[in-house]
Amino acid sequence: MATINPASAVASAASTEPAFIRSARAARKLSQEPHPFERTAATLRPHSVAWEKNTAQLARTTRFYVPAVIFFFGWPFALKYAVDSWNGVHDAPVKKGRRS
């Protein structure tokens, strides 16, 4: 049998949590700020929202994304219509049944 160092036996008995948890907590403490978050003074007012700039940016973005999404999802339908029209295949009108 291996001999147990009394100092290590006492140290391991003192901490009941696994070593991985201890090291994870130590790493978390290193990544956190050592001070509380900044508190702004009561005299400071919040900045106003730049609605004009944001709406202009949204308009520029929309001009690109809306046609891109329509093209991305719509090209199979356009290709089906083109192939069917080139081959002379057209959707026949739906006939009404006898019971309607």
N, C-alpha and C. Protein backbone atom coordinates (compact mmCIF):
# COMPACT_ATOMS: atom_id res chain seq x y z
N MET A 1 0.82 -1.18 0.00
CA MET A 1 0.00 0.00 0.00
C MET A 1 0.86 1.24 0.00
N ALA A 2 0.34 2.26 -0.61
CA ALA A 2 1.07 3.51 -0.67
C ALA A 2 0.86 4.29 0.62
N THR A 3 1.87 4.99 1.00
CA THR A 3 1.74 5.80 2.19
C THR A 3 1.07 7.12 1.84
N ILE A 4 0.29 7.62 2.75
CA ILE A 4 -0.44 8.87 2.53
C ILE A 4 0.25 9.96 3.33
N ASN A 5 0.54 11.04 2.67
CA ASN A 5 1.13 12.20 3.33
C ASN A 5 0.06 12.82 4.23
N PRO A 6 0.31 13.00 5.49
CA PRO A 6 -0.72 13.55 6.39
C PRO A 6 -1.16 14.95 6.00
N ALA A 7 -0.24 15.75 5.47
CA ALA A 7 -0.62 17.12 5.08
C ALA A 7 -1.59 17.10 3.91
N SER A 8 -1.34 16.24 2.93
CA SER A 8 -2.25 16.18 1.78
C SER A 8 -3.58 15.57 2.17
N ALA A 9 -3.57 14.64 3.12
CA ALA A 9 -4.83 14.05 3.58
C ALA A 9 -5.69 15.09 4.27
N VAL A 10 -5.07 15.94 5.06
CA VAL A 10 -5.83 17.00 5.74
C VAL A 10 -6.34 18.02 4.73
N ALA A 11 -5.53 18.37 3.74
CA ALA A 11 -5.94 19.36 2.74
C ALA A 11 -7.08 18.83 1.88
N SER A 12 -7.02 17.55 1.51
CA SER A 12 -8.08 17.00 0.68
C SER A 12 -9.36 16.81 1.48
N ALA A 13 -9.25 16.55 2.77
CA ALA A 13 -10.44 16.40 3.59
C ALA A 13 -11.10 17.75 3.84
N ALA A 14 -10.32 18.82 3.84
CA ALA A 14 -10.87 20.15 4.12
C ALA A 14 -11.75 20.65 2.98
N SER A 15 -11.39 20.35 1.75
CA SER A 15 -12.19 20.81 0.61
C SER A 15 -12.98 19.63 0.06
N THR A 16 -14.29 19.76 0.06
CA THR A 16 -15.14 18.67 -0.39
C THR A 16 -15.53 18.80 -1.85
N GLU A 17 -15.25 19.93 -2.48
CA GLU A 17 -15.62 20.09 -3.89
C GLU A 17 -14.47 19.62 -4.78
N PRO A 18 -14.80 19.16 -5.98
CA PRO A 18 -13.76 18.65 -6.89
C PRO A 18 -12.79 19.75 -7.30
N ALA A 19 -11.60 19.32 -7.69
CA ALA A 19 -10.56 20.27 -8.09
C ALA A 19 -10.96 21.04 -9.33
N PHE A 20 -11.71 20.40 -10.23
CA PHE A 20 -12.15 21.08 -11.45
C PHE A 20 -13.04 22.27 -11.12
N ILE A 21 -13.93 22.08 -10.16
CA ILE A 21 -14.83 23.17 -9.78
C ILE A 21 -14.03 24.32 -9.16
N ARG A 22 -13.06 23.98 -8.31
CA ARG A 22 -12.24 25.03 -7.70
C ARG A 22 -11.47 25.81 -8.76
N SER A 23 -10.90 25.09 -9.75
CA SER A 23 -10.13 25.79 -10.79
C SER A 23 -11.05 26.61 -11.69
N ALA A 24 -12.26 26.11 -11.95
CA ALA A 24 -13.21 26.88 -12.77
C ALA A 24 -13.63 28.16 -12.06
N ARG A 25 -13.83 28.08 -10.75
CA ARG A 25 -14.19 29.28 -10.00
C ARG A 25 -13.04 30.28 -9.97
N ALA A 26 -11.82 29.76 -9.85
CA ALA A 26 -10.66 30.66 -9.85
C ALA A 26 -10.52 31.35 -11.20
N ALA A 27 -10.76 30.61 -12.30
CA ALA A 27 -10.68 31.21 -13.64
C ALA A 27 -11.78 32.25 -13.83
N ARG A 28 -12.97 31.97 -13.29
CA ARG A 28 -14.07 32.93 -13.41
C ARG A 28 -13.75 34.21 -12.65
N LYS A 29 -13.15 34.08 -11.49
CA LYS A 29 -12.81 35.27 -10.71
C LYS A 29 -11.73 36.10 -11.41
N LEU A 30 -10.84 35.44 -12.15
CA LEU A 30 -9.81 36.19 -12.88
C LEU A 30 -10.41 37.00 -14.03
N SER A 31 -11.49 36.47 -14.64
CA SER A 31 -12.07 37.16 -15.79
C SER A 31 -13.02 38.28 -15.39
N GLN A 32 -13.43 38.33 -14.14
CA GLN A 32 -14.38 39.35 -13.71
C GLN A 32 -13.65 40.62 -13.30
N GLU A 33 -14.39 41.72 -13.33
CA GLU A 33 -13.83 42.99 -12.89
C GLU A 33 -13.67 42.97 -11.37
N PRO A 34 -12.59 43.53 -10.87
CA PRO A 34 -12.40 43.51 -9.43
C PRO A 34 -13.20 44.58 -8.69
N HIS A 35 -13.94 45.42 -9.41
CA HIS A 35 -14.69 46.50 -8.77
C HIS A 35 -16.13 46.44 -9.26
N PRO A 36 -17.05 47.05 -8.55
CA PRO A 36 -18.45 47.04 -9.00
C PRO A 36 -18.61 47.91 -10.25
N PHE A 37 -19.73 47.74 -10.91
CA PHE A 37 -19.98 48.50 -12.12
C PHE A 37 -20.11 49.99 -11.81
N GLU A 38 -19.80 50.79 -12.81
CA GLU A 38 -19.82 52.24 -12.63
C GLU A 38 -21.25 52.72 -12.43
N ARG A 39 -21.41 53.64 -11.53
CA ARG A 39 -22.71 54.27 -11.32
C ARG A 39 -22.61 55.69 -11.85
N THR A 40 -23.51 56.04 -12.74
CA THR A 40 -23.49 57.39 -13.29
C THR A 40 -24.12 58.36 -12.31
N ALA A 41 -23.74 59.59 -12.43
CA ALA A 41 -24.26 60.62 -11.54
C ALA A 41 -25.72 60.90 -11.88
N ALA A 42 -26.44 61.37 -10.91
CA ALA A 42 -27.86 61.65 -11.11
C ALA A 42 -28.07 62.86 -12.01
N THR A 43 -27.05 63.71 -12.17
CA THR A 43 -27.20 64.90 -12.99
C THR A 43 -27.03 64.61 -14.48
N LEU A 44 -26.46 63.46 -14.83
CA LEU A 44 -26.27 63.14 -16.24
C LEU A 44 -27.59 62.69 -16.85
N ARG A 45 -27.86 63.17 -18.05
CA ARG A 45 -29.07 62.78 -18.76
C ARG A 45 -28.70 61.77 -19.83
N PRO A 46 -29.58 60.84 -20.15
CA PRO A 46 -29.28 59.86 -21.20
C PRO A 46 -29.25 60.53 -22.57
N HIS A 47 -28.51 59.95 -23.47
CA HIS A 47 -28.43 60.48 -24.82
C HIS A 47 -29.75 60.25 -25.54
N SER A 48 -30.07 61.16 -26.44
CA SER A 48 -31.28 60.98 -27.23
C SER A 48 -31.02 59.96 -28.34
N VAL A 49 -32.09 59.35 -28.80
CA VAL A 49 -31.98 58.34 -29.84
C VAL A 49 -31.88 59.04 -31.18
N ALA A 50 -30.95 58.60 -32.02
CA ALA A 50 -30.76 59.19 -33.35
C ALA A 50 -31.72 58.51 -34.33
N TRP A 51 -33.00 58.93 -34.28
CA TRP A 51 -34.00 58.27 -35.11
C TRP A 51 -33.73 58.47 -36.59
N GLU A 52 -33.29 59.65 -37.00
CA GLU A 52 -33.06 59.91 -38.42
C GLU A 52 -31.95 59.00 -38.96
N LYS A 53 -30.88 58.91 -38.20
CA LYS A 53 -29.77 58.08 -38.64
C LYS A 53 -30.17 56.60 -38.68
N ASN A 54 -30.90 56.16 -37.66
CA ASN A 54 -31.30 54.76 -37.61
C ASN A 54 -32.28 54.40 -38.72
N THR A 55 -33.23 55.29 -39.02
CA THR A 55 -34.18 54.99 -40.09
C THR A 55 -33.50 55.02 -41.45
N ALA A 56 -32.53 55.92 -41.64
CA ALA A 56 -31.79 55.93 -42.90
C ALA A 56 -30.99 54.65 -43.07
N GLN A 57 -30.37 54.19 -41.99
CA GLN A 57 -29.61 52.95 -42.06
C GLN A 57 -30.53 51.76 -42.32
N LEU A 58 -31.70 51.75 -41.69
CA LEU A 58 -32.66 50.67 -41.92
C LEU A 58 -33.15 50.67 -43.37
N ALA A 59 -33.37 51.86 -43.94
CA ALA A 59 -33.80 51.94 -45.33
C ALA A 59 -32.73 51.42 -46.27
N ARG A 60 -31.46 51.80 -46.01
CA ARG A 60 -30.38 51.29 -46.86
C ARG A 60 -30.25 49.78 -46.75
N THR A 61 -30.39 49.26 -45.55
CA THR A 61 -30.27 47.82 -45.34
C THR A 61 -31.44 47.09 -45.99
N THR A 62 -32.64 47.65 -45.87
CA THR A 62 -33.82 47.01 -46.43
C THR A 62 -33.76 46.95 -47.95
N ARG A 63 -33.18 47.98 -48.56
CA ARG A 63 -33.06 47.97 -50.03
C ARG A 63 -32.24 46.81 -50.53
N PHE A 64 -31.34 46.29 -49.72
CA PHE A 64 -30.55 45.13 -50.14
C PHE A 64 -31.21 43.82 -49.71
N TYR A 65 -31.64 43.73 -48.46
CA TYR A 65 -32.06 42.45 -47.93
C TYR A 65 -33.40 41.97 -48.47
N VAL A 66 -34.35 42.85 -48.70
CA VAL A 66 -35.66 42.42 -49.19
C VAL A 66 -35.54 41.78 -50.57
N PRO A 67 -34.89 42.41 -51.56
CA PRO A 67 -34.73 41.71 -52.84
C PRO A 67 -33.88 40.44 -52.73
N ALA A 68 -32.89 40.45 -51.85
CA ALA A 68 -32.05 39.25 -51.70
C ALA A 68 -32.86 38.09 -51.15
N VAL A 69 -33.72 38.34 -50.18
CA VAL A 69 -34.54 37.27 -49.61
C VAL A 69 -35.57 36.79 -50.63
N ILE A 70 -36.16 37.72 -51.38
CA ILE A 70 -37.12 37.33 -52.42
C ILE A 70 -36.43 36.47 -53.47
N PHE A 71 -35.23 36.86 -53.88
CA PHE A 71 -34.49 36.06 -54.86
C PHE A 71 -34.12 34.70 -54.29
N PHE A 72 -33.65 34.67 -53.04
CA PHE A 72 -33.19 33.42 -52.43
C PHE A 72 -34.33 32.41 -52.31
N PHE A 73 -35.50 32.87 -51.87
CA PHE A 73 -36.61 31.94 -51.70
C PHE A 73 -37.50 31.84 -52.94
N GLY A 74 -37.39 32.76 -53.88
CA GLY A 74 -38.29 32.77 -55.02
C GLY A 74 -37.75 32.16 -56.29
N TRP A 75 -36.43 31.93 -56.37
CA TRP A 75 -35.90 31.43 -57.63
C TRP A 75 -36.42 30.04 -57.99
N PRO A 76 -36.73 29.14 -57.07
CA PRO A 76 -37.29 27.85 -57.51
C PRO A 76 -38.65 28.01 -58.18
N PHE A 77 -39.48 28.92 -57.67
CA PHE A 77 -40.80 29.13 -58.28
C PHE A 77 -40.67 29.77 -59.66
N ALA A 78 -39.75 30.73 -59.79
CA ALA A 78 -39.54 31.36 -61.09
C ALA A 78 -38.99 30.36 -62.09
N LEU A 79 -38.09 29.50 -61.66
CA LEU A 79 -37.52 28.50 -62.57
C LEU A 79 -38.57 27.48 -62.98
N LYS A 80 -39.46 27.09 -62.06
CA LYS A 80 -40.54 26.16 -62.41
C LYS A 80 -41.46 26.80 -63.46
N TYR A 81 -41.79 28.07 -63.26
CA TYR A 81 -42.65 28.76 -64.22
C TYR A 81 -41.96 28.85 -65.59
N ALA A 82 -40.66 29.17 -65.59
CA ALA A 82 -39.93 29.29 -66.86
C ALA A 82 -39.83 27.96 -67.58
N VAL A 83 -39.50 26.90 -66.87
CA VAL A 83 -39.37 25.58 -67.50
C VAL A 83 -40.71 25.11 -68.01
N ASP A 84 -41.78 25.30 -67.24
CA ASP A 84 -43.10 24.88 -67.68
C ASP A 84 -43.55 25.66 -68.91
N SER A 85 -43.26 26.96 -68.96
CA SER A 85 -43.68 27.74 -70.12
C SER A 85 -42.86 27.38 -71.35
N TRP A 86 -41.57 27.07 -71.18
CA TRP A 86 -40.76 26.65 -72.32
C TRP A 86 -41.20 25.29 -72.87
N ASN A 87 -41.67 24.43 -71.99
CA ASN A 87 -42.10 23.10 -72.42
C ASN A 87 -43.56 23.06 -72.82
N GLY A 88 -44.27 24.15 -72.70
CA GLY A 88 -45.67 24.20 -73.08
C GLY A 88 -46.59 23.58 -72.05
N VAL A 89 -46.15 23.43 -70.85
CA VAL A 89 -46.99 22.86 -69.79
C VAL A 89 -47.58 24.02 -69.00
N HIS A 90 -48.88 24.04 -68.91
CA HIS A 90 -49.54 25.09 -68.16
C HIS A 90 -50.51 24.46 -67.18
N ASP A 91 -50.70 25.11 -66.08
CA ASP A 91 -51.64 24.60 -65.08
C ASP A 91 -53.05 24.75 -65.63
N ALA A 92 -53.76 23.62 -65.65
CA ALA A 92 -55.13 23.64 -66.14
C ALA A 92 -56.03 24.23 -65.06
N PRO A 93 -57.09 24.92 -65.48
CA PRO A 93 -58.01 25.45 -64.48
C PRO A 93 -58.70 24.30 -63.74
N VAL A 94 -58.99 24.52 -62.50
CA VAL A 94 -59.60 23.49 -61.67
C VAL A 94 -61.06 23.34 -62.08
N LYS A 95 -61.46 22.09 -62.37
CA LYS A 95 -62.85 21.83 -62.74
C LYS A 95 -63.69 21.70 -61.48
N LYS A 96 -64.91 22.18 -61.60
CA LYS A 96 -65.82 22.04 -60.47
C LYS A 96 -66.37 20.62 -60.48
N GLY A 97 -66.53 20.08 -59.30
CA GLY A 97 -67.07 18.73 -59.19
C GLY A 97 -68.57 18.72 -59.41
N ARG A 98 -69.13 17.54 -59.54
CA ARG A 98 -70.57 17.40 -59.77
C ARG A 98 -71.37 17.84 -58.55
N ARG A 99 -70.81 17.67 -57.40
CA ARG A 99 -71.57 17.93 -56.18
C ARG A 99 -71.51 19.38 -55.74
N SER A 100 -70.78 20.21 -56.40
CA SER A 100 -70.71 21.59 -55.94
C SER A 100 -71.62 22.50 -56.71
